[in-house]
Amino acid sequence: MRSAVAVLLSVAAMAVASPVTPIPNGISVQTASSGVVRLTVESNLAFRVSVGKNGPVTEYPFLDESRPAPPTHKTVNSGTMVGISVDGLGSVMIDPNSTQFAMQDPSGT
């Protein structure tokens, strides 16, 4: 019984202290190692992964500001991974605990 209570408390704590924050064109993920990973959509052809450790993430713009607005994304979860997905482009995800990344094409492979 004690372990079931511990599991419920752990799940409740994770729900309160979510490592995911919505940002323009994507999400910011706080990792267990005190890092920050930003997953954003740059265009209908590209995701951007920005990584920072123990401080703010430095952004380096590399695309022309006159480009069309990036496509709409949605936040996705798969097991312990969280990320963003764009129809026709695929998805990029990270596990906040292990910092393992995964990218999938539109068919999910």
Protein backbone atom coordinates (compact mmCIF):
# COMPACT_ATOMS: atom_id res chain seq x y z
CA MET A 1 0.00 0.00 0.00
CA ARG A 2 2.81 2.36 0.85
CA SER A 3 4.36 2.06 -2.65
CA ALA A 4 1.00 2.82 -4.30
CA VAL A 5 0.75 6.03 -2.25
CA ALA A 6 4.32 6.97 -3.22
CA VAL A 7 3.51 6.43 -6.89
CA LEU A 8 0.38 8.58 -6.64
CA LEU A 9 2.32 11.34 -4.88
CA SER A 10 5.06 11.19 -7.53
CA VAL A 11 2.50 11.44 -10.33
CA ALA A 12 0.81 14.37 -8.58
CA ALA A 13 4.14 16.15 -8.10
CA MET A 14 5.00 15.67 -11.79
CA ALA A 15 1.62 17.08 -12.81
CA VAL A 16 2.17 20.20 -10.67
CA ALA A 17 5.79 20.75 -11.72
CA SER A 18 5.44 20.18 -15.46
CA PRO A 19 8.74 20.64 -17.28
CA VAL A 20 6.94 21.90 -20.41
CA THR A 21 6.17 25.57 -21.09
CA PRO A 22 4.50 26.78 -24.31
CA ILE A 23 6.56 29.39 -26.22
CA PRO A 24 6.01 31.02 -29.62
CA ASN A 25 6.18 28.32 -32.32
CA GLY A 26 6.91 25.48 -29.87
CA ILE A 27 7.70 24.43 -26.33
CA SER A 28 10.44 24.88 -23.74
CA VAL A 29 11.34 21.74 -21.76
CA GLN A 30 13.19 21.81 -18.41
CA THR A 31 15.44 18.74 -18.16
CA ALA A 32 16.35 16.78 -15.03
CA SER A 33 19.97 17.90 -15.49
CA SER A 34 19.03 21.60 -15.03
CA GLY A 35 19.14 22.26 -18.74
CA VAL A 36 16.56 23.81 -21.02
CA VAL A 37 15.66 22.50 -24.46
CA ARG A 38 13.47 24.50 -26.82
CA LEU A 39 11.70 22.68 -29.62
CA THR A 40 10.30 25.06 -32.23
CA VAL A 41 8.96 25.02 -35.78
CA GLU A 42 10.97 27.25 -38.12
CA SER A 43 9.22 26.59 -41.42
CA ASN A 44 7.22 23.94 -43.22
CA LEU A 45 10.58 22.17 -43.76
CA ALA A 46 12.45 22.60 -40.46
CA PHE A 47 12.36 22.19 -36.70
CA ARG A 48 14.84 23.98 -34.43
CA VAL A 49 16.33 22.39 -31.30
CA SER A 50 18.00 24.91 -28.96
CA VAL A 51 19.87 23.68 -25.87
CA GLY A 52 20.97 25.64 -22.80
CA LYS A 53 22.64 24.46 -19.60
CA ASN A 54 22.25 26.27 -16.25
CA GLY A 55 21.01 29.48 -17.77
CA PRO A 56 19.03 31.02 -20.60
CA VAL A 57 19.02 29.50 -24.05
CA THR A 58 20.89 31.64 -26.55
CA GLU A 59 18.99 32.01 -29.81
CA TYR A 60 20.77 32.44 -33.13
CA PRO A 61 18.32 33.45 -35.86
CA PHE A 62 19.33 31.95 -39.17
CA LEU A 63 16.29 32.31 -41.40
CA ASP A 64 15.10 35.38 -43.26
CA GLU A 65 12.54 37.31 -41.21
CA SER A 66 10.46 37.88 -44.35
CA ARG A 67 9.72 34.14 -44.62
CA PRO A 68 6.13 32.95 -44.22
CA ALA A 69 4.94 32.20 -40.69
CA PRO A 70 5.74 28.66 -39.55
CA PRO A 71 2.95 26.10 -39.70
CA THR A 72 0.77 25.36 -36.67
CA HIS A 73 2.21 22.81 -34.27
CA LYS A 74 0.71 20.72 -31.51
CA THR A 75 2.30 19.44 -28.31
CA VAL A 76 2.60 15.64 -28.27
CA ASN A 77 3.49 13.01 -25.65
CA SER A 78 4.71 9.46 -26.13
CA GLY A 79 5.63 7.55 -22.98
CA THR A 80 8.14 9.72 -21.13
CA MET A 81 8.80 11.92 -24.17
CA VAL A 82 7.26 15.30 -24.95
CA GLY A 83 7.59 17.32 -28.13
CA ILE A 84 5.94 19.07 -31.02
CA SER A 85 4.35 17.74 -34.18
CA VAL A 86 3.48 19.40 -37.49
CA ASP A 87 1.20 17.84 -40.10
CA GLY A 88 3.25 16.94 -43.18
CA LEU A 89 6.61 17.54 -41.41
CA GLY A 90 6.72 15.04 -38.54
CA SER A 91 7.71 15.48 -34.92
CA VAL A 92 10.64 16.14 -32.62
CA MET A 93 10.56 14.97 -29.00
CA ILE A 94 12.75 14.84 -25.89
CA ASP A 95 12.67 12.84 -22.67
CA PRO A 96 13.19 15.49 -19.93
CA ASN A 97 14.81 12.91 -17.62
CA SER A 98 17.30 11.21 -19.96
CA THR A 99 17.53 14.08 -22.54
CA GLN A 100 17.18 11.48 -25.30
CA PHE A 101 15.83 12.96 -28.55
CA ALA A 102 13.62 11.39 -31.19
CA MET A 103 12.55 12.68 -34.58
CA GLN A 104 9.86 11.12 -36.75
CA ASP A 105 8.75 11.72 -40.29
CA PRO A 106 5.04 12.34 -41.05
CA SER A 107 4.36 8.58 -41.18
CA GLY A 108 5.68 8.15 -37.62
CA THR A 109 8.94 6.38 -38.47
